[in-house]
Amino acid sequence: MIETEIELALISLCDGRISPLIAKPGTETPYICYRKKSELSLDVFDGPIGTSYCFQVNVFADDMKQAEQIKNQAYENLKSLRPYNVKGMQRYDKDKALFCATLEFSL
């Protein structure tokens, strides 16, 4: 399963504080949450020829510099999976009072 490969690529970061979708309340920062945003089946007349996935990795930290550094490390760790259409974003999550660096990519 592709989610397992992603988690294995990220587990060395944030002392293993990696969660699908959301982190448990009270999780120590920094931490990473990942999710599959979409799945696209590629079809031809003879049937399906493959599937493309879009994933998002969110790094939450107390400051943006730390979040960005971990996001960049995450990208390095994920390169073996051959991500493409890679995008990076930054934001401040008011509800969590944490900075978030996001990595979005397709596989």
Foldseek 3Di string as FASTA:
>chain_A
DVVVVLLVLQCVPPVRQEEEPDGDPPDDPFHKYKYWPDKDFDADPVGTDDMKTKMKMKTWHQDPVVQVVSVVSSCVSCCVVPWPPWDWDWDQDPVVRTIIIMIMTMD
